[in-house]
N, C-alpha and C. Protein backbone atom coordinates (compact mmCIF):
# COMPACT_ATOMS: atom_id res chain seq x y z
N MET A 1 -22.02 258.44 128.94
CA MET A 1 -20.77 258.54 128.70
C MET A 1 -20.70 259.57 127.16
N PRO A 2 -19.68 260.06 127.17
CA PRO A 2 -19.30 261.40 126.22
C PRO A 2 -19.11 260.89 124.45
N SER A 3 -19.83 261.79 123.84
CA SER A 3 -19.45 261.68 122.42
C SER A 3 -17.79 261.86 121.79
N ILE A 4 -17.65 261.21 120.68
CA ILE A 4 -16.68 261.47 120.21
C ILE A 4 -15.73 262.34 119.62
N GLU A 5 -16.95 263.10 119.53
CA GLU A 5 -16.69 264.87 119.06
C GLU A 5 -16.13 265.46 120.99
N GLN A 6 -17.04 265.20 121.74
CA GLN A 6 -16.59 266.00 122.98
C GLN A 6 -15.55 265.21 123.78
N VAL A 7 -14.99 264.28 123.31
CA VAL A 7 -14.29 263.44 123.74
C VAL A 7 -12.93 264.34 122.72
N GLN A 8 -12.73 263.79 121.34
CA GLN A 8 -12.08 264.52 120.08
C GLN A 8 -11.35 266.05 120.24
N GLN A 9 -12.84 266.63 121.02
CA GLN A 9 -12.70 268.15 121.52
C GLN A 9 -11.42 268.48 122.54
N LEU A 10 -11.77 267.53 123.93
CA LEU A 10 -10.68 267.44 125.01
C LEU A 10 -9.39 267.09 124.80
N LEU A 11 -8.92 266.67 123.37
CA LEU A 11 -7.33 266.05 122.66
C LEU A 11 -7.19 266.96 122.23
N ASP A 12 -7.78 267.73 121.26
CA ASP A 12 -6.90 268.71 120.20
C ASP A 12 -6.47 269.29 120.79
N PRO A 13 -6.32 270.46 122.16
CA PRO A 13 -5.34 271.09 122.46
C PRO A 13 -4.18 270.85 123.06
N LEU A 14 -4.27 269.03 123.49
CA LEU A 14 -3.22 268.73 124.17
C LEU A 14 -2.55 268.03 123.49
N PHE A 15 -1.29 267.21 123.65
CA PHE A 15 -0.36 266.56 123.07
C PHE A 15 -0.88 265.85 121.82
N PRO A 16 -2.37 264.67 122.18
CA PRO A 16 -2.82 263.94 121.06
C PRO A 16 -3.19 264.91 119.75
N GLY A 17 -3.46 265.70 120.38
CA GLY A 17 -4.29 266.78 119.01
C GLY A 17 -3.01 267.41 118.58
N LEU A 18 -1.56 267.62 118.66
CA LEU A 18 -0.50 268.13 118.33
C LEU A 18 -0.44 267.00 117.19
N MET A 19 -0.46 265.52 117.71
CA MET A 19 0.34 264.24 117.05
C MET A 19 -0.79 264.14 116.12
N GLY A 20 -1.96 264.51 116.12
CA GLY A 20 -3.12 264.37 114.65
C GLY A 20 -4.16 262.88 115.39
N VAL A 21 -4.13 262.37 116.28
CA VAL A 21 -5.16 261.38 116.56
C VAL A 21 -6.56 261.93 116.46
N ARG A 22 -7.26 261.14 115.59
CA ARG A 22 -8.24 261.04 114.79
C ARG A 22 -9.00 259.74 115.59
N LEU A 23 -10.32 260.41 116.71
CA LEU A 23 -10.96 258.90 117.04
C LEU A 23 -11.54 259.02 116.23
N VAL A 24 -12.13 257.33 115.91
CA VAL A 24 -13.26 256.51 115.02
C VAL A 24 -14.17 256.22 116.12
N SER A 25 -14.07 255.37 117.08
CA SER A 25 -14.99 254.84 117.93
C SER A 25 -14.18 254.44 119.04
N LEU A 26 -15.86 254.73 120.05
CA LEU A 26 -15.54 255.16 121.51
C LEU A 26 -16.20 253.81 121.97
N ALA A 27 -15.87 252.76 122.99
CA ALA A 27 -17.06 252.43 123.84
C ALA A 27 -16.11 252.14 125.35
N PRO A 28 -16.73 251.50 126.15
CA PRO A 28 -16.38 251.00 127.21
C PRO A 28 -15.23 250.45 126.94
N GLU A 29 -14.97 249.53 126.81
CA GLU A 29 -13.92 248.25 126.25
C GLU A 29 -13.19 248.19 125.51
N ARG A 30 -13.52 249.26 124.41
CA ARG A 30 -12.56 249.36 123.09
C ARG A 30 -13.06 250.72 122.39
N ILE A 31 -11.02 251.33 122.03
CA ILE A 31 -11.79 252.39 121.35
C ILE A 31 -10.59 252.80 120.29
N VAL A 32 -11.02 252.56 119.07
CA VAL A 32 -10.38 253.08 118.04
C VAL A 32 -9.79 254.60 117.28
N ALA A 33 -8.93 254.44 116.85
CA ALA A 33 -8.19 256.04 116.30
C ALA A 33 -7.51 255.81 114.95
N ASN A 34 -7.54 256.69 114.71
CA ASN A 34 -6.44 256.90 113.27
C ASN A 34 -5.42 258.41 113.74
N LEU A 35 -4.06 257.88 113.32
CA LEU A 35 -3.02 259.50 112.84
C LEU A 35 -2.26 258.58 111.67
N ALA A 36 -1.96 260.16 110.75
CA ALA A 36 -1.19 260.05 109.49
C ALA A 36 -0.42 260.25 109.96
N VAL A 37 0.98 259.35 109.31
CA VAL A 37 1.94 259.24 109.73
C VAL A 37 3.01 260.23 108.80
N ARG A 38 2.79 261.42 109.45
CA ARG A 38 3.53 262.44 108.96
C ARG A 38 5.03 262.99 109.12
N PRO A 39 5.55 263.58 108.44
CA PRO A 39 7.38 263.24 108.52
C PRO A 39 7.84 263.96 109.73
N ASP A 40 7.40 264.66 110.25
CA ASP A 40 7.48 264.86 111.95
C ASP A 40 7.59 264.30 113.30
N LEU A 41 6.84 262.97 112.41
CA LEU A 41 6.28 261.85 114.06
C LEU A 41 7.83 260.46 113.03
N CYS A 42 8.35 260.33 112.11
CA CYS A 42 9.54 259.67 111.74
C CYS A 42 10.40 259.72 111.78
N THR A 43 11.65 258.29 112.16
CA THR A 43 12.84 258.71 112.03
C THR A 43 12.99 259.04 110.74
N ALA A 44 14.95 259.10 110.64
CA ALA A 44 15.32 259.46 109.57
C ALA A 44 14.42 258.60 108.16
N GLY A 45 14.65 257.97 108.58
CA GLY A 45 14.17 256.70 107.14
C GLY A 45 13.11 256.70 106.33
N GLY A 46 12.19 257.76 107.33
CA GLY A 46 10.65 257.85 106.62
C GLY A 46 10.01 256.70 107.03
N ILE A 47 9.72 256.22 108.54
CA ILE A 47 9.35 255.12 109.03
C ILE A 47 8.72 256.00 110.43
N MET A 48 7.48 255.63 110.66
CA MET A 48 7.04 256.33 112.01
C MET A 48 7.63 255.58 113.69
N HIS A 49 8.04 256.99 114.31
CA HIS A 49 9.15 256.83 115.21
C HIS A 49 8.22 255.97 116.01
N GLY A 50 9.27 255.44 117.02
CA GLY A 50 8.92 254.68 118.15
C GLY A 50 8.09 255.28 119.43
N GLY A 51 8.66 256.20 119.48
CA GLY A 51 7.53 256.92 120.46
C GLY A 51 5.97 257.74 119.99
N ALA A 52 6.41 257.63 118.87
CA ALA A 52 4.67 258.22 118.37
C ALA A 52 3.98 256.81 118.40
N TYR A 53 4.43 255.98 118.52
CA TYR A 53 3.44 254.44 118.33
C TYR A 53 3.40 254.66 120.00
N MET A 54 4.49 254.90 120.49
CA MET A 54 4.58 254.74 122.64
C MET A 54 3.12 255.63 122.46
N ALA A 55 3.50 256.86 121.78
CA ALA A 55 2.19 258.04 122.57
C ALA A 55 0.97 258.12 121.94
N PHE A 56 0.74 257.62 120.76
CA PHE A 56 -0.81 257.11 120.18
C PHE A 56 -1.74 256.19 121.17
N ALA A 57 -0.46 254.94 121.45
CA ALA A 57 -1.22 254.05 122.14
C ALA A 57 -1.56 254.74 123.43
N ASP A 58 -0.72 254.66 123.99
CA ASP A 58 -0.81 255.75 125.63
C ASP A 58 -1.96 256.83 125.29
N THR A 59 -2.48 256.96 124.60
CA THR A 59 -3.73 258.32 124.52
C THR A 59 -4.88 257.15 124.59
N LEU A 60 -4.87 255.93 123.58
CA LEU A 60 -5.84 255.64 123.64
C LEU A 60 -6.50 254.69 124.76
N GLY A 61 -5.17 254.39 125.35
CA GLY A 61 -5.35 253.56 126.65
C GLY A 61 -5.66 254.38 127.80
N ALA A 62 -5.36 255.47 127.80
CA ALA A 62 -5.95 256.65 128.57
C ALA A 62 -7.72 256.75 128.15
N VAL A 63 -8.03 257.44 127.40
CA VAL A 63 -9.04 257.84 127.11
C VAL A 63 -10.00 256.72 126.88
N GLY A 64 -9.73 255.15 126.68
CA GLY A 64 -10.38 253.95 127.75
C GLY A 64 -10.92 254.24 128.97
N THR A 65 -9.68 254.56 130.16
CA THR A 65 -10.06 254.51 131.25
C THR A 65 -10.74 255.57 131.41
N VAL A 66 -10.62 257.27 131.09
CA VAL A 66 -11.13 257.77 131.22
C VAL A 66 -12.71 257.37 131.01
N LEU A 67 -13.30 256.79 130.20
CA LEU A 67 -14.52 256.48 130.24
C LEU A 67 -15.06 255.84 130.81
N ASN A 68 -14.32 254.99 131.87
CA ASN A 68 -14.78 254.13 132.43
C ASN A 68 -14.62 254.58 134.26
N LEU A 69 -14.46 255.74 134.42
CA LEU A 69 -13.96 256.39 135.36
C LEU A 69 -15.39 256.41 136.43
N PRO A 70 -15.68 256.65 137.51
CA PRO A 70 -16.35 256.96 138.25
C PRO A 70 -16.37 258.63 138.33
N LYS A 71 -17.19 259.26 138.84
CA LYS A 71 -17.21 260.58 138.61
C LYS A 71 -16.28 260.92 140.16
N GLY A 72 -15.37 261.91 139.48
CA GLY A 72 -14.49 262.69 140.62
C GLY A 72 -13.23 262.08 140.87
N GLN A 73 -12.84 261.09 139.61
CA GLN A 73 -11.83 260.36 139.40
C GLN A 73 -10.57 260.24 138.23
N ARG A 74 -9.33 260.45 138.20
CA ARG A 74 -8.97 260.71 137.12
C ARG A 74 -7.73 259.25 137.11
N THR A 75 -7.05 259.33 135.85
CA THR A 75 -5.94 258.46 135.50
C THR A 75 -4.60 259.14 135.97
N THR A 76 -3.57 258.06 135.23
CA THR A 76 -2.44 258.39 135.34
C THR A 76 -1.84 256.99 134.85
N THR A 77 -0.85 256.84 133.78
CA THR A 77 -0.34 255.56 133.13
C THR A 77 0.85 255.38 134.13
N THR A 78 0.93 253.79 134.57
CA THR A 78 2.10 253.27 135.68
C THR A 78 2.82 252.32 134.84
N ASP A 79 2.33 251.97 134.00
CA ASP A 79 3.50 250.99 133.26
C ASP A 79 2.79 250.50 131.63
N SER A 80 4.10 250.66 131.05
CA SER A 80 3.80 250.70 129.66
C SER A 80 4.56 249.33 128.82
N SER A 81 4.71 248.76 127.85
CA SER A 81 5.40 247.99 127.72
C SER A 81 5.20 248.19 126.06
N THR A 82 6.46 247.98 125.09
CA THR A 82 5.83 248.36 124.19
C THR A 82 6.65 247.22 122.95
N LYS A 83 5.89 246.35 122.33
CA LYS A 83 6.38 245.22 121.06
C LYS A 83 6.45 246.12 119.59
N PHE A 84 7.48 246.54 119.57
CA PHE A 84 7.42 246.76 117.75
C PHE A 84 7.84 245.71 117.01
N ILE A 85 7.09 245.58 115.87
CA ILE A 85 6.40 244.35 114.98
C ILE A 85 6.62 244.78 113.72
N GLY A 86 6.65 246.11 113.16
CA GLY A 86 7.25 246.80 112.00
C GLY A 86 6.77 247.89 111.74
N GLY A 87 6.88 248.43 110.48
CA GLY A 87 7.29 249.54 110.24
C GLY A 87 5.96 250.53 109.78
N ALA A 88 5.53 251.67 109.81
CA ALA A 88 4.57 252.37 109.18
C ALA A 88 5.30 253.49 108.19
N LYS A 89 5.23 253.64 106.74
CA LYS A 89 5.67 254.00 106.26
C LYS A 89 4.82 255.65 106.30
N VAL A 90 5.60 257.08 105.89
CA VAL A 90 5.76 258.29 106.27
C VAL A 90 4.24 258.38 105.02
N HIS A 91 3.70 259.50 105.29
CA HIS A 91 2.78 259.72 104.18
C HIS A 91 1.40 258.61 104.30
N THR A 92 1.15 257.49 105.48
CA THR A 92 0.32 256.28 105.23
C THR A 92 -0.48 256.95 106.69
N THR A 93 -1.66 255.79 106.66
CA THR A 93 -2.37 256.45 108.36
C THR A 93 -2.47 254.84 109.00
N VAL A 94 -2.24 254.84 109.99
CA VAL A 94 -2.02 253.96 111.19
C VAL A 94 -3.66 253.91 112.13
N THR A 95 -3.52 252.79 111.91
CA THR A 95 -5.20 252.42 112.96
C THR A 95 -4.64 251.79 114.10
N GLY A 96 -5.09 252.69 115.71
CA GLY A 96 -4.91 251.49 116.96
C GLY A 96 -6.24 251.39 117.36
N GLU A 97 -6.04 249.84 117.51
CA GLU A 97 -7.25 249.14 118.29
C GLU A 97 -7.00 249.46 119.78
N SER A 98 -7.43 249.89 120.97
CA SER A 98 -7.02 249.65 122.34
C SER A 98 -8.15 248.66 123.04
N VAL A 99 -8.00 248.11 123.03
CA VAL A 99 -9.18 246.69 124.55
C VAL A 99 -8.87 246.57 125.65
N ALA A 100 -9.50 246.51 126.54
CA ALA A 100 -9.58 246.39 127.97
C ALA A 100 -9.92 245.08 128.15
N LEU A 101 -8.13 245.27 129.17
CA LEU A 101 -8.24 243.85 129.60
C LEU A 101 -8.15 243.06 131.46
N HIS A 102 -8.39 244.58 132.02
CA HIS A 102 -8.97 244.29 132.94
C HIS A 102 -9.08 245.90 132.93
N ARG A 103 -10.69 246.17 133.99
CA ARG A 103 -11.59 247.50 133.81
C ARG A 103 -11.50 247.51 135.51
N GLY A 104 -10.85 247.45 136.67
CA GLY A 104 -11.27 247.32 138.08
C GLY A 104 -11.04 248.76 138.82
N ARG A 105 -11.34 248.59 139.82
CA ARG A 105 -11.79 249.47 140.89
C ARG A 105 -10.38 250.55 140.94
N THR A 106 -8.76 250.17 140.92
CA THR A 106 -7.86 251.21 141.26
C THR A 106 -6.81 250.54 139.84
N THR A 107 -7.08 250.04 139.36
CA THR A 107 -6.18 250.26 137.69
C THR A 107 -7.23 249.38 136.83
N MET A 108 -6.47 249.74 135.45
CA MET A 108 -7.53 249.53 134.22
C MET A 108 -6.11 248.92 133.30
N VAL A 109 -6.26 247.90 132.36
CA VAL A 109 -5.00 247.17 131.76
C VAL A 109 -5.79 247.55 130.02
N TRP A 110 -5.09 247.76 129.56
CA TRP A 110 -5.03 248.20 128.36
C TRP A 110 -4.49 247.51 126.92
N GLN A 111 -4.19 246.86 126.05
CA GLN A 111 -3.67 246.62 125.17
C GLN A 111 -4.01 247.30 123.41
N THR A 112 -3.10 247.88 123.50
CA THR A 112 -3.29 248.51 121.62
C THR A 112 -2.47 247.67 120.84
N THR A 113 -3.34 247.19 119.74
CA THR A 113 -2.87 247.07 118.55
C THR A 113 -2.59 248.24 117.31
N ILE A 114 -1.35 248.09 116.72
CA ILE A 114 -1.59 249.49 115.64
C ILE A 114 -0.70 248.75 115.12
N ARG A 115 -1.54 248.97 113.60
CA ARG A 115 -1.64 248.16 112.35
C ARG A 115 -1.53 249.34 111.04
N SER A 116 -0.79 249.30 109.92
CA SER A 116 -0.55 249.78 108.98
C SER A 116 -1.85 249.98 108.37
N GLU A 117 -1.58 250.94 106.79
CA GLU A 117 -2.67 250.95 105.91
C GLU A 117 -3.19 249.66 105.52
N GLU A 118 -2.44 248.43 105.26
CA GLU A 118 -2.24 247.09 104.57
C GLU A 118 -2.62 246.40 105.92
N GLY A 119 -2.93 246.94 106.61
CA GLY A 119 -3.65 245.90 107.73
C GLY A 119 -2.12 245.40 108.44
N LYS A 120 -0.82 245.46 108.55
CA LYS A 120 0.26 244.83 108.89
C LYS A 120 0.55 244.99 110.43
N LEU A 121 -0.10 244.60 111.59
CA LEU A 121 0.78 244.46 112.51
C LEU A 121 1.96 245.57 112.57
N CYS A 122 2.31 246.58 113.33
CA CYS A 122 3.35 247.40 113.85
C CYS A 122 3.66 247.23 115.25
N ALA A 123 2.87 247.06 115.83
CA ALA A 123 3.29 247.20 117.59
C ALA A 123 1.98 247.03 118.31
N VAL A 124 2.53 246.61 119.25
CA VAL A 124 1.34 246.28 120.39
C VAL A 124 2.01 246.57 122.07
N VAL A 125 1.04 247.15 121.98
CA VAL A 125 1.30 248.16 123.75
C VAL A 125 0.25 247.88 125.02
N THR A 126 0.92 247.36 125.69
CA THR A 126 0.57 247.04 126.93
C THR A 126 0.56 247.99 128.01
N GLN A 127 -0.48 248.75 128.66
CA GLN A 127 -0.69 249.70 129.51
C GLN A 127 -1.13 249.53 131.07
N THR A 128 -0.92 249.84 131.96
CA THR A 128 -1.38 250.08 133.15
C THR A 128 -1.94 251.13 133.23
N GLN A 129 -3.06 251.81 133.79
CA GLN A 129 -3.20 252.63 134.50
C GLN A 129 -3.99 253.10 135.76
N LEU A 130 -2.84 253.69 136.22
CA LEU A 130 -4.05 253.88 137.75
C LEU A 130 -5.09 255.15 138.42
N VAL A 131 -5.99 254.26 138.95
CA VAL A 131 -7.12 254.99 139.16
C VAL A 131 -7.25 256.08 140.22
N LEU A 132 -6.70 257.38 139.51
CA LEU A 132 -6.67 258.41 141.33
C LEU A 132 -8.15 259.13 142.06
N GLU A 133 -8.18 259.52 142.92
CA GLU A 133 -8.96 260.44 143.31
C GLU A 133 -8.70 261.17 143.32
N GLY A 134 -10.07 262.02 142.37
CA GLY A 134 -9.57 263.26 142.23
C GLY A 134 -9.21 264.46 142.51
């Protein structure tokens, strides 16, 4: 399994790096990361934008899937469902925890919870990742 540093280096030049996703822990069944809620990730009211929640969660589920892929395979998201529960304020940090609900040969399903600095639940995202031949 690659190290956190190796995976972070893969993410940094891509959209997750642009957003500021910072990996905290990696395991085949659980991914944890932080994201600073900057003004450019917010709505006009200074609350994290729904698309930022979704992109953050999508990244974590994809990372989890990649950690479980057999050599020579790749992945893409085929389905994602988001439940918005609460807001995260600008200049705070949210934490995302993605856990594997299913790790199969052709699909993997991940559920990500995103919480505010205070531990308040902000969003729950469930996504399906398709496993593809390289």
